[in-house]
Amino acid sequence: MTAEEFHDETLPAEPAKTAHFCSMCGPKFCSMRISQDIRDQFGGLSEQQIVAGMDRKSAEFKKAGGKVYLPSPILGGPGDRSDLTVGS
């Protein structure tokens, strides 16, 4: 089964067949849409340009500490934003 077939199966209503997201993620985060956005923006790049871009992002990640999960800020400490309300 292709991703497009799965998409159409999970959203059986006819208007949903043209939606750029599936029922698993939704419109705000969808790996299918993100992948298409990346292809649209960077599809014409050469293999060398792609590797150079990944190398830059790798260096940026290492410079920032190389951690996927960063520690949570201490409430009331630097970086604490718990006083903000939704929509501010």
Protein backbone atom coordinates (compact mmCIF):
# COMPACT_ATOMS: atom_id res chain seq x y z
CA MET A 1 0.00 0.00 0.00
CA THR A 2 1.35 3.41 -0.91
CA ALA A 3 1.17 6.45 1.37
CA GLU A 4 -1.37 8.00 -1.00
CA GLU A 5 -3.58 4.89 -0.86
CA PHE A 6 -3.34 4.89 2.94
CA HIS A 7 -4.19 8.59 2.99
CA ASP A 8 -7.27 8.03 0.85
CA GLU A 9 -8.33 5.01 2.92
CA THR A 10 -8.04 6.84 6.26
CA LEU A 11 -9.95 9.86 4.95
CA PRO A 12 -12.74 8.27 2.89
CA ALA A 13 -14.75 11.48 2.24
CA GLU A 14 -14.17 12.65 -1.33
CA PRO A 15 -12.99 16.22 -0.40
CA ALA A 16 -10.40 14.69 1.94
CA LYS A 17 -8.71 12.94 -1.00
CA THR A 18 -7.11 16.26 -1.94
CA ALA A 19 -6.11 17.10 1.66
CA HIS A 20 -2.40 17.47 2.25
CA PHE A 21 -2.48 15.54 5.52
CA CYS A 22 -3.74 12.18 6.74
CA SER A 23 -5.86 11.21 9.72
CA MET A 24 -2.79 10.12 11.70
CA CYS A 25 -1.21 13.55 12.10
CA GLY A 26 -3.61 16.27 11.07
CA PRO A 27 -2.99 19.57 9.28
CA LYS A 28 -0.61 21.17 11.81
CA PHE A 29 1.98 18.39 11.75
CA CYS A 30 2.06 15.88 8.94
CA SER A 31 5.16 14.04 7.81
CA MET A 32 3.58 13.61 4.37
CA ARG A 33 3.09 17.38 3.98
CA ILE A 34 6.50 18.20 5.47
CA SER A 35 8.18 15.77 3.06
CA GLN A 36 6.39 17.39 0.13
CA ASP A 37 7.33 20.89 1.35
CA ILE A 38 10.98 19.81 1.52
CA ARG A 39 10.83 18.32 -1.99
CA ASP A 40 9.18 21.51 -3.28
CA GLN A 41 11.79 23.76 -1.68
CA PHE A 42 14.95 21.67 -2.10
CA GLY A 43 14.09 19.13 -4.80
CA GLY A 44 16.47 20.66 -7.33
CA LEU A 45 19.55 20.43 -5.14
CA SER A 46 22.46 18.23 -6.10
CA GLU A 47 23.61 15.37 -3.87
CA GLN A 48 26.66 17.48 -2.93
CA GLN A 49 24.46 20.41 -1.85
CA ILE A 50 22.23 18.11 0.21
CA VAL A 51 25.23 16.57 2.01
CA ALA A 52 26.71 20.04 2.64
CA GLY A 53 23.40 21.18 4.17
CA MET A 54 23.22 18.13 6.42
CA ASP A 55 26.83 18.73 7.49
CA ARG A 56 25.97 22.33 8.44
CA LYS A 57 22.97 21.19 10.51
CA SER A 58 25.10 18.50 12.18
CA ALA A 59 27.72 21.09 13.16
CA GLU A 60 24.97 23.38 14.48
CA PHE A 61 23.54 20.52 16.57
CA LYS A 62 26.97 19.64 18.00
CA LYS A 63 27.71 23.30 18.79
CA ALA A 64 24.43 23.50 20.75
CA GLY A 65 25.55 20.57 22.92
CA GLY A 66 24.48 17.61 20.82
CA LYS A 67 21.50 16.79 23.03
CA VAL A 68 18.08 15.91 21.72
CA TYR A 69 16.33 16.52 25.03
CA LEU A 70 17.29 19.74 26.76
CA PRO A 71 16.74 20.21 30.50
CA SER A 72 13.54 21.90 31.58
CA PRO A 73 13.92 25.41 32.98
CA ILE A 74 13.62 25.74 36.75
CA LEU A 75 10.34 27.42 37.64
CA GLY A 76 11.04 30.99 38.67
CA GLY A 77 14.57 30.75 37.23
CA PRO A 78 16.10 32.09 34.01
CA GLY A 79 14.03 31.14 31.00
CA ASP A 80 10.90 30.42 33.05
CA ARG A 81 7.83 31.41 31.10
CA SER A 82 5.20 29.88 33.38
CA ASP A 83 3.72 33.33 34.03
CA LEU A 84 2.59 33.56 30.41
CA THR A 85 -0.99 32.72 29.62
CA VAL A 86 -2.22 30.95 26.51
CA GLY A 87 -2.43 33.35 23.61
CA SER A 88 0.08 35.88 24.99
